[in-house]
Amino acid sequence: MSDDVRAQLCDLVQEEDPRRTLDSLESVVIRTYLTNQGYGTPSEDGPLTIEGWVAWVKQHSTVS
């Protein structure tokens, strides 16, 4: 599952390096995508990288 989410997020923001710090627009795009996919997002600042978002999704989906 993590590889799928990583690939989807990388494709979404056209980024090959999942460890690069995202800019504000990329963060908004990822937050919107994850919310639309039913994951929701943290109410406060979220992860700063795609890898961070992948870890957040993994943790969030196993807790729910």
PDB file of N, CA and C in Angstrom:
ATOM      1  N   MET A   1       0.806  -1.189   0.000  1.00  0.00           N
ATOM      2  CA  MET A   1       0.000   0.000   0.000  1.00  0.00           C
ATOM      3  C   MET A   1       0.855   1.262   0.000  1.00  0.00           C
ATOM      4  N   SER A   2       1.919   1.293   0.803  1.00  0.00           N
ATOM      5  CA  SER A   2       2.751   2.500   0.865  1.00  0.00           C
ATOM      6  C   SER A   2       3.368   2.835  -0.486  1.00  0.00           C
ATOM      7  N   ASP A   3       3.779   1.800  -1.218  1.00  0.00           N
ATOM      8  CA  ASP A   3       4.379   2.057  -2.537  1.00  0.00           C
ATOM      9  C   ASP A   3       3.355   2.673  -3.486  1.00  0.00           C
ATOM     10  N   ASP A   4       2.111   2.203  -3.395  1.00  0.00           N
ATOM     11  CA  ASP A   4       1.052   2.758  -4.238  1.00  0.00           C
ATOM     12  C   ASP A   4       0.789   4.218  -3.896  1.00  0.00           C
ATOM     13  N   VAL A   5       0.685   4.512  -2.600  1.00  0.00           N
ATOM     14  CA  VAL A   5       0.436   5.891  -2.165  1.00  0.00           C
ATOM     15  C   VAL A   5       1.609   6.776  -2.576  1.00  0.00           C
ATOM     16  N   ARG A   6       2.819   6.307  -2.356  1.00  0.00           N
ATOM     17  CA  ARG A   6       4.013   7.072  -2.745  1.00  0.00           C
ATOM     18  C   ARG A   6       3.988   7.382  -4.237  1.00  0.00           C
ATOM     19  N   ALA A   7       3.711   6.383  -5.049  1.00  0.00           N
ATOM     20  CA  ALA A   7       3.676   6.571  -6.504  1.00  0.00           C
ATOM     21  C   ALA A   7       2.576   7.554  -6.901  1.00  0.00           C
ATOM     22  N   GLN A   8       1.418   7.440  -6.280  1.00  0.00           N
ATOM     23  CA  GLN A   8       0.316   8.347  -6.591  1.00  0.00           C
ATOM     24  C   GLN A   8       0.666   9.780  -6.230  1.00  0.00           C
ATOM     25  N   LEU A   9       1.253   9.981  -5.055  1.00  0.00           N
ATOM     26  CA  LEU A   9       1.604  11.334  -4.627  1.00  0.00           C
ATOM     27  C   LEU A   9       2.726  11.917  -5.480  1.00  0.00           C
ATOM     28  N   CYS A  10       3.714  11.108  -5.808  1.00  0.00           N
ATOM     29  CA  CYS A  10       4.810  11.577  -6.674  1.00  0.00           C
ATOM     30  C   CYS A  10       4.261  11.987  -8.034  1.00  0.00           C
ATOM     31  N   ASP A  11       3.374  11.179  -8.583  1.00  0.00           N
ATOM     32  CA  ASP A  11       2.778  11.489  -9.876  1.00  0.00           C
ATOM     33  C   ASP A  11       1.917  12.749  -9.785  1.00  0.00           C
ATOM     34  N   LEU A  12       1.181  12.879  -8.716  1.00  0.00           N
ATOM     35  CA  LEU A  12       0.277  14.005  -8.535  1.00  0.00           C
ATOM     36  C   LEU A  12       1.004  15.343  -8.576  1.00  0.00           C
ATOM     37  N   VAL A  13       2.145  15.420  -7.905  1.00  0.00           N
ATOM     38  CA  VAL A  13       2.888  16.688  -7.870  1.00  0.00           C
ATOM     39  C   VAL A  13       4.107  16.667  -8.803  1.00  0.00           C
ATOM     40  N   GLN A  14       4.180  15.636  -9.631  1.00  0.00           N
ATOM     41  CA  GLN A  14       5.265  15.484 -10.610  1.00  0.00           C
ATOM     42  C   GLN A  14       6.633  15.629  -9.952  1.00  0.00           C
ATOM     43  N   GLU A  15       6.832  14.830  -8.914  1.00  0.00           N
ATOM     44  CA  GLU A  15       8.078  14.864  -8.149  1.00  0.00           C
ATOM     45  C   GLU A  15       8.701  13.476  -8.138  1.00  0.00           C
ATOM     46  N   GLU A  16       9.988  13.397  -8.461  1.00  0.00           N
ATOM     47  CA  GLU A  16      10.685  12.110  -8.461  1.00  0.00           C
ATOM     48  C   GLU A  16      11.350  11.809  -7.127  1.00  0.00           C
ATOM     49  N   ASP A  17      11.607  12.835  -6.316  1.00  0.00           N
ATOM     50  CA  ASP A  17      12.287  12.657  -5.031  1.00  0.00           C
ATOM     51  C   ASP A  17      11.289  12.789  -3.890  1.00  0.00           C
ATOM     52  N   PRO A  18      10.838  11.669  -3.324  1.00  0.00           N
ATOM     53  CA  PRO A  18       9.835  11.724  -2.264  1.00  0.00           C
ATOM     54  C   PRO A  18      10.365  12.301  -0.942  1.00  0.00           C
ATOM     55  N   ARG A  19      11.658  12.588  -0.877  1.00  0.00           N
ATOM     56  CA  ARG A  19      12.240  13.157   0.343  1.00  0.00           C
ATOM     57  C   ARG A  19      12.448  14.667   0.259  1.00  0.00           C
ATOM     58  N   ARG A  20      12.184  15.242  -0.916  1.00  0.00           N
ATOM     59  CA  ARG A  20      12.349  16.691  -1.071  1.00  0.00           C
ATOM     60  C   ARG A  20      11.225  17.407  -0.326  1.00  0.00           C
ATOM     61  N   THR A  21      11.557  18.525   0.309  1.00  0.00           N
ATOM     62  CA  THR A  21      10.549  19.320   1.005  1.00  0.00           C
ATOM     63  C   THR A  21       9.573  19.901  -0.015  1.00  0.00           C
ATOM     64  N   LEU A  22       8.298  19.706   0.250  1.00  0.00           N
ATOM     65  CA  LEU A  22       7.256  20.188  -0.648  1.00  0.00           C
ATOM     66  C   LEU A  22       7.045  21.690  -0.474  1.00  0.00           C
ATOM     67  N   ASP A  23       6.679  22.353  -1.559  1.00  0.00           N
ATOM     68  CA  ASP A  23       6.319  23.762  -1.417  1.00  0.00           C
ATOM     69  C   ASP A  23       4.851  23.834  -0.978  1.00  0.00           C
ATOM     70  N   SER A  24       4.372  25.039  -0.703  1.00  0.00           N
ATOM     71  CA  SER A  24       3.031  25.186  -0.134  1.00  0.00           C
ATOM     72  C   SER A  24       1.933  24.706  -1.093  1.00  0.00           C
ATOM     73  N   LEU A  25       2.080  24.956  -2.378  1.00  0.00           N
ATOM     74  CA  LEU A  25       1.073  24.508  -3.336  1.00  0.00           C
ATOM     75  C   LEU A  25       1.030  22.982  -3.415  1.00  0.00           C
ATOM     76  N   GLU A  26       2.190  22.354  -3.435  1.00  0.00           N
ATOM     77  CA  GLU A  26       2.242  20.885  -3.463  1.00  0.00           C
ATOM     78  C   GLU A  26       1.590  20.301  -2.209  1.00  0.00           C
ATOM     79  N   SER A  27       1.820  20.928  -1.079  1.00  0.00           N
ATOM     80  CA  SER A  27       1.209  20.465   0.168  1.00  0.00           C
ATOM     81  C   SER A  27      -0.312  20.555   0.114  1.00  0.00           C
ATOM     82  N   VAL A  28      -0.825  21.646  -0.432  1.00  0.00           N
ATOM     83  CA  VAL A  28      -2.270  21.807  -0.572  1.00  0.00           C
ATOM     84  C   VAL A  28      -2.834  20.740  -1.508  1.00  0.00           C
ATOM     85  N   VAL A  29      -2.145  20.482  -2.604  1.00  0.00           N
ATOM     86  CA  VAL A  29      -2.599  19.469  -3.560  1.00  0.00           C
ATOM     87  C   VAL A  29      -2.653  18.095  -2.890  1.00  0.00           C
ATOM     88  N   ILE A  30      -1.625  17.760  -2.135  1.00  0.00           N
ATOM     89  CA  ILE A  30      -1.593  16.454  -1.460  1.00  0.00           C
ATOM     90  C   ILE A  30      -2.672  16.368  -0.386  1.00  0.00           C
ATOM     91  N   ARG A  31      -2.847  17.433   0.407  1.00  0.00           N
ATOM     92  CA  ARG A  31      -3.908  17.446   1.427  1.00  0.00           C
ATOM     93  C   ARG A  31      -5.281  17.237   0.784  1.00  0.00           C
ATOM     94  N   THR A  32      -5.524  17.936  -0.302  1.00  0.00           N
ATOM     95  CA  THR A  32      -6.814  17.820  -0.993  1.00  0.00           C
ATOM     96  C   THR A  32      -7.010  16.411  -1.528  1.00  0.00           C
ATOM     97  N   TYR A  33      -5.982  15.867  -2.150  1.00  0.00           N
ATOM     98  CA  TYR A  33      -6.058  14.510  -2.705  1.00  0.00           C
ATOM     99  C   TYR A  33      -6.357  13.492  -1.602  1.00  0.00           C
ATOM    100  N   LEU A  34      -5.611  13.561  -0.504  1.00  0.00           N
ATOM    101  CA  LEU A  34      -5.811  12.585   0.576  1.00  0.00           C
ATOM    102  C   LEU A  34      -7.187  12.726   1.213  1.00  0.00           C
ATOM    103  N   THR A  35      -7.659  13.953   1.353  1.00  0.00           N
ATOM    104  CA  THR A  35      -9.006  14.161   1.888  1.00  0.00           C
ATOM    105  C   THR A  35     -10.044  13.555   0.953  1.00  0.00           C
ATOM    106  N   ASN A  36      -9.881  13.780  -0.344  1.00  0.00           N
ATOM    107  CA  ASN A  36     -10.820  13.224  -1.324  1.00  0.00           C
ATOM    108  C   ASN A  36     -10.769  11.702  -1.380  1.00  0.00           C
ATOM    109  N   GLN A  37      -9.643  11.119  -1.006  1.00  0.00           N
ATOM    110  CA  GLN A  37      -9.502   9.664  -0.985  1.00  0.00           C
ATOM    111  C   GLN A  37     -10.015   9.051   0.320  1.00  0.00           C
ATOM    112  N   GLY A  38     -10.460   9.906   1.238  1.00  0.00           N
ATOM    113  CA  GLY A  38     -11.037   9.412   2.491  1.00  0.00           C
ATOM    114  C   GLY A  38     -10.060   9.289   3.649  1.00  0.00           C
ATOM    115  N   TYR A  39      -8.823   9.729   3.468  1.00  0.00           N
ATOM    116  CA  TYR A  39      -7.848   9.642   4.542  1.00  0.00           C
ATOM    117  C   TYR A  39      -7.968  10.800   5.520  1.00  0.00           C
ATOM    118  N   GLY A  40      -8.490  11.929   5.062  1.00  0.00           N
ATOM    119  CA  GLY A  40      -8.466  13.129   5.884  1.00  0.00           C
ATOM    120  C   GLY A  40      -7.032  13.619   5.976  1.00  0.00           C
ATOM    121  N   THR A  41      -6.807  14.658   6.734  1.00  0.00           N
ATOM    122  CA  THR A  41      -5.453  15.157   6.953  1.00  0.00           C
ATOM    123  C   THR A  41      -5.392  15.756   8.345  1.00  0.00           C
ATOM    124  N   PRO A  42      -4.192  15.930   8.901  1.00  0.00           N
ATOM    125  CA  PRO A  42      -4.092  16.525  10.223  1.00  0.00           C
ATOM    126  C   PRO A  42      -4.641  17.952  10.206  1.00  0.00           C
ATOM    127  N   SER A  43      -5.255  18.360  11.306  1.00  0.00           N
ATOM    128  CA  SER A  43      -5.820  19.706  11.364  1.00  0.00           C
ATOM    129  C   SER A  43      -4.720  20.761  11.420  1.00  0.00           C
ATOM    130  N   GLU A  44      -3.571  20.385  11.937  1.00  0.00           N
ATOM    131  CA  GLU A  44      -2.445  21.309  12.002  1.00  0.00           C
ATOM    132  C   GLU A  44      -1.497  21.012  10.840  1.00  0.00           C
ATOM    133  N   ASP A  45      -0.358  21.657  10.858  1.00  0.00           N
ATOM    134  CA  ASP A  45       0.617  21.413   9.794  1.00  0.00           C
ATOM    135  C   ASP A  45       0.904  19.928   9.667  1.00  0.00           C
ATOM    136  N   GLY A  46       0.960  19.467   8.446  1.00  0.00           N
ATOM    137  CA  GLY A  46       1.223  18.063   8.187  1.00  0.00           C
ATOM    138  C   GLY A  46       2.677  17.842   7.826  1.00  0.00           C
ATOM    139  N   PRO A  47       2.981  16.650   7.346  1.00  0.00           N
ATOM    140  CA  PRO A  47       4.333  16.324   6.911  1.00  0.00           C
ATOM    141  C   PRO A  47       4.830  17.271   5.824  1.00  0.00           C
ATOM    142  N   LEU A  48       6.131  17.354   5.706  1.00  0.00           N
ATOM    143  CA  LEU A  48       6.742  18.281   4.754  1.00  0.00           C
ATOM    144  C   LEU A  48       7.256  17.608   3.486  1.00  0.00           C
ATOM    145  N   THR A  49       7.192  16.276   3.447  1.00  0.00           N
ATOM    146  CA  THR A  49       7.686  15.531   2.294  1.00  0.00           C
ATOM    147  C   THR A  49       6.659  14.480   1.887  1.00  0.00           C
ATOM    148  N   ILE A  50       6.817  13.950   0.693  1.00  0.00           N
ATOM    149  CA  ILE A  50       5.948  12.855   0.268  1.00  0.00           C
ATOM    150  C   ILE A  50       6.152  11.652   1.179  1.00  0.00           C
ATOM    151  N   GLU A  51       7.404  11.348   1.514  1.00  0.00           N
ATOM    152  CA  GLU A  51       7.679  10.223   2.426  1.00  0.00           C
ATOM    153  C   GLU A  51       6.952  10.416   3.756  1.00  0.00           C
ATOM    154  N   GLY A  52       6.938  11.653   4.236  1.00  0.00           N
ATOM    155  CA  GLY A  52       6.236  11.951   5.476  1.00  0.00           C
ATOM    156  C   GLY A  52       4.743  11.705   5.349  1.00  0.00           C
ATOM    157  N   TRP A  53       4.171  12.097   4.224  1.00  0.00           N
ATOM    158  CA  TRP A  53       2.740  11.859   4.000  1.00  0.00           C
ATOM    159  C   TRP A  53       2.444  10.369   3.878  1.00  0.00           C
ATOM    160  N   VAL A  54       3.338   9.625   3.231  1.00  0.00           N
ATOM    161  CA  VAL A  54       3.147   8.170   3.108  1.00  0.00           C
ATOM    162  C   VAL A  54       3.135   7.539   4.504  1.00  0.00           C
ATOM    163  N   ALA A  55       4.063   7.946   5.353  1.00  0.00           N
ATOM    164  CA  ALA A  55       4.100   7.424   6.726  1.00  0.00           C
ATOM    165  C   ALA A  55       2.835   7.825   7.485  1.00  0.00           C
ATOM    166  N   TRP A  56       2.367   9.058   7.286  1.00  0.00           N
ATOM    167  CA  TRP A  56       1.153   9.527   7.956  1.00  0.00           C
ATOM    168  C   TRP A  56      -0.041   8.686   7.521  1.00  0.00           C
ATOM    169  N   VAL A  57      -0.164   8.433   6.213  1.00  0.00           N
ATOM    170  CA  VAL A  57      -1.279   7.624   5.707  1.00  0.00           C
ATOM    171  C   VAL A  57      -1.210   6.218   6.289  1.00  0.00           C
ATOM    172  N   LYS A  58      -0.015   5.648   6.315  1.00  0.00           N
ATOM    173  CA  LYS A  58       0.142   4.292   6.853  1.00  0.00           C
ATOM    174  C   LYS A  58      -0.283   4.242   8.306  1.00  0.00           C
ATOM    175  N   GLN A  59       0.162   5.201   9.100  1.00  0.00           N
ATOM    176  CA  GLN A  59      -0.194   5.246  10.521  1.00  0.00           C
ATOM    177  C   GLN A  59      -1.692   5.508  10.684  1.00  0.00           C
ATOM    178  N   HIS A  60      -2.221   6.423   9.916  1.00  0.00           N
ATOM    179  CA  HIS A  60      -3.625   6.801  10.052  1.00  0.00           C
ATOM    180  C   HIS A  60      -4.534   5.644   9.647  1.00  0.00           C
ATOM    181  N   SER A  61      -4.183   4.935   8.603  1.00  0.00           N
ATOM    182  CA  SER A  61      -5.054   3.851   8.132  1.00  0.00           C
ATOM    183  C   SER A  61      -4.984   2.625   9.016  1.00  0.00           C
ATOM    184  N   THR A  62      -3.908   2.434   9.770  1.00  0.00           N
ATOM    185  CA  THR A  62      -3.846   1.295  10.680  1.00  0.00           C
ATOM    186  C   THR A  62      -4.512   1.609  12.014  1.00  0.00           C
ATOM    187  N   VAL A  63      -4.615   2.888  12.362  1.00  0.00           N
ATOM    188  CA  VAL A  63      -5.256   3.290  13.610  1.00  0.00           C
ATOM    189  C   VAL A  63      -6.765   3.229  13.456  1.00  0.00           C
ATOM    190  N   SER A  64      -7.278   3.607  12.264  1.00  0.00           N
ATOM    191  CA  SER A  64      -8.722   3.659  12.052  1.00  0.00           C
ATOM    192  C   SER A  64      -9.337   2.285  11.999  1.00  0.00           C
TER     193      SER A  64
END
